[in-house]
Amino acid sequence: MNDLQKDILTAAVFISGLVGFISGEFIISSTLFASAAIANNVNLNCKRV
């Protein structure tokens, strides 16, 4: 996967977490936010190395 695809996937997970939070599904949205944050940190660390 190239960088653009990873960024789009991370944004999609973040947006779906936001929609889940608005609709009241707090456990699912928390999980999606956490996975988006982890994916973002992994992408940033891979770019540095």
N, C-alpha and C. Protein backbone atom coordinates (compact mmCIF):
# COMPACT_ATOMS: atom_id res chain seq x y z
N MET A 1 0.83 -1.17 0.00
CA MET A 1 0.00 0.00 0.00
C MET A 1 0.88 1.24 0.00
N ASN A 2 0.54 2.20 -0.81
CA ASN A 2 1.32 3.44 -0.80
C ASN A 2 0.79 4.39 0.27
N ASP A 3 1.46 5.52 0.42
CA ASP A 3 1.13 6.45 1.50
C ASP A 3 -0.27 7.03 1.36
N LEU A 4 -0.69 7.32 0.14
CA LEU A 4 -2.02 7.90 -0.06
C LEU A 4 -3.10 6.92 0.38
N GLN A 5 -2.95 5.66 0.05
CA GLN A 5 -3.94 4.66 0.45
C GLN A 5 -3.98 4.50 1.96
N LYS A 6 -2.83 4.54 2.61
CA LYS A 6 -2.79 4.44 4.07
C LYS A 6 -3.47 5.64 4.71
N ASP A 7 -3.23 6.84 4.16
CA ASP A 7 -3.86 8.04 4.70
C ASP A 7 -5.36 8.02 4.50
N ILE A 8 -5.82 7.54 3.37
CA ILE A 8 -7.26 7.46 3.10
C ILE A 8 -7.90 6.44 4.03
N LEU A 9 -7.25 5.32 4.27
CA LEU A 9 -7.77 4.30 5.18
C LEU A 9 -7.85 4.83 6.61
N THR A 10 -6.82 5.53 7.05
CA THR A 10 -6.83 6.10 8.39
C THR A 10 -7.93 7.14 8.52
N ALA A 11 -8.12 7.98 7.52
CA ALA A 11 -9.19 8.98 7.55
C ALA A 11 -10.56 8.32 7.56
N ALA A 12 -10.72 7.25 6.80
CA ALA A 12 -12.01 6.55 6.77
C ALA A 12 -12.33 5.94 8.12
N VAL A 13 -11.33 5.37 8.77
CA VAL A 13 -11.56 4.80 10.11
C VAL A 13 -11.90 5.90 11.10
N PHE A 14 -11.20 7.03 11.01
CA PHE A 14 -11.49 8.16 11.91
C PHE A 14 -12.90 8.69 11.70
N ILE A 15 -13.31 8.85 10.45
CA ILE A 15 -14.65 9.38 10.16
C ILE A 15 -15.73 8.40 10.60
N SER A 16 -15.51 7.11 10.40
CA SER A 16 -16.50 6.13 10.87
C SER A 16 -16.56 6.12 12.40
N GLY A 17 -15.44 6.37 13.08
CA GLY A 17 -15.46 6.50 14.53
C GLY A 17 -16.24 7.72 14.96
N LEU A 18 -16.10 8.81 14.22
CA LEU A 18 -16.85 10.03 14.53
C LEU A 18 -18.34 9.81 14.34
N VAL A 19 -18.72 9.14 13.29
CA VAL A 19 -20.14 8.84 13.05
C VAL A 19 -20.68 7.92 14.15
N GLY A 20 -19.87 6.94 14.55
CA GLY A 20 -20.28 6.06 15.64
C GLY A 20 -20.44 6.80 16.95
N PHE A 21 -19.58 7.77 17.20
CA PHE A 21 -19.69 8.56 18.43
C PHE A 21 -20.95 9.40 18.42
N ILE A 22 -21.27 10.00 17.29
CA ILE A 22 -22.47 10.83 17.18
C ILE A 22 -23.73 9.98 17.35
N SER A 23 -23.71 8.75 16.83
CA SER A 23 -24.89 7.91 16.92
C SER A 23 -25.02 7.21 18.27
N GLY A 24 -24.03 7.36 19.15
CA GLY A 24 -24.15 6.82 20.49
C GLY A 24 -23.46 5.50 20.72
N GLU A 25 -22.74 5.00 19.76
CA GLU A 25 -22.01 3.74 19.91
C GLU A 25 -20.61 4.05 20.41
N PHE A 26 -20.49 4.27 21.71
CA PHE A 26 -19.26 4.80 22.28
C PHE A 26 -18.13 3.77 22.31
N ILE A 27 -18.44 2.51 22.54
CA ILE A 27 -17.39 1.49 22.60
C ILE A 27 -16.79 1.28 21.22
N ILE A 28 -17.63 1.18 20.21
CA ILE A 28 -17.14 0.98 18.85
C ILE A 28 -16.36 2.20 18.38
N SER A 29 -16.87 3.40 18.68
CA SER A 29 -16.18 4.60 18.25
C SER A 29 -14.84 4.75 18.96
N SER A 30 -14.76 4.38 20.22
CA SER A 30 -13.49 4.43 20.94
C SER A 30 -12.48 3.49 20.31
N THR A 31 -12.91 2.32 19.92
CA THR A 31 -12.03 1.36 19.26
C THR A 31 -11.56 1.89 17.92
N LEU A 32 -12.44 2.50 17.17
CA LEU A 32 -12.07 3.06 15.86
C LEU A 32 -11.11 4.23 16.01
N PHE A 33 -11.34 5.10 17.01
CA PHE A 33 -10.42 6.20 17.25
C PHE A 33 -9.04 5.68 17.63
N ALA A 34 -9.01 4.67 18.48
CA ALA A 34 -7.73 4.10 18.90
C ALA A 34 -6.99 3.47 17.72
N SER A 35 -7.70 2.76 16.87
CA SER A 35 -7.03 2.13 15.72
C SER A 35 -6.55 3.19 14.73
N ALA A 36 -7.28 4.27 14.58
CA ALA A 36 -6.83 5.35 13.70
C ALA A 36 -5.58 6.01 14.27
N ALA A 37 -5.54 6.20 15.58
CA ALA A 37 -4.37 6.82 16.20
C ALA A 37 -3.15 5.92 16.08
N ILE A 38 -3.33 4.64 16.30
CA ILE A 38 -2.21 3.70 16.19
C ILE A 38 -1.71 3.63 14.75
N ALA A 39 -2.64 3.57 13.81
CA ALA A 39 -2.23 3.51 12.40
C ALA A 39 -1.49 4.78 11.99
N ASN A 40 -1.94 5.91 12.49
CA ASN A 40 -1.27 7.17 12.17
C ASN A 40 0.14 7.20 12.74
N ASN A 41 0.32 6.74 13.97
CA ASN A 41 1.64 6.71 14.58
C ASN A 41 2.56 5.72 13.88
N VAL A 42 2.04 4.59 13.46
CA VAL A 42 2.86 3.62 12.73
C VAL A 42 3.30 4.21 11.39
N ASN A 43 2.38 4.89 10.71
CA ASN A 43 2.74 5.52 9.43
C ASN A 43 3.81 6.59 9.61
N LEU A 44 3.71 7.40 10.65
CA LEU A 44 4.69 8.44 10.88
C LEU A 44 6.06 7.85 11.23
N ASN A 45 6.07 6.79 12.05
CA ASN A 45 7.34 6.17 12.41
C ASN A 45 7.99 5.47 11.23
N CYS A 46 7.20 4.90 10.35
CA CYS A 46 7.77 4.24 9.17
C CYS A 46 8.37 5.27 8.21
N LYS A 47 7.77 6.45 8.12
CA LYS A 47 8.27 7.49 7.23
C LYS A 47 9.60 8.05 7.75
N ARG A 48 9.77 8.11 9.07
CA ARG A 48 11.00 8.63 9.64
C ARG A 48 12.19 7.70 9.41
N VAL A 49 11.92 6.41 9.44
CA VAL A 49 13.01 5.44 9.28
C VAL A 49 13.28 5.24 7.84
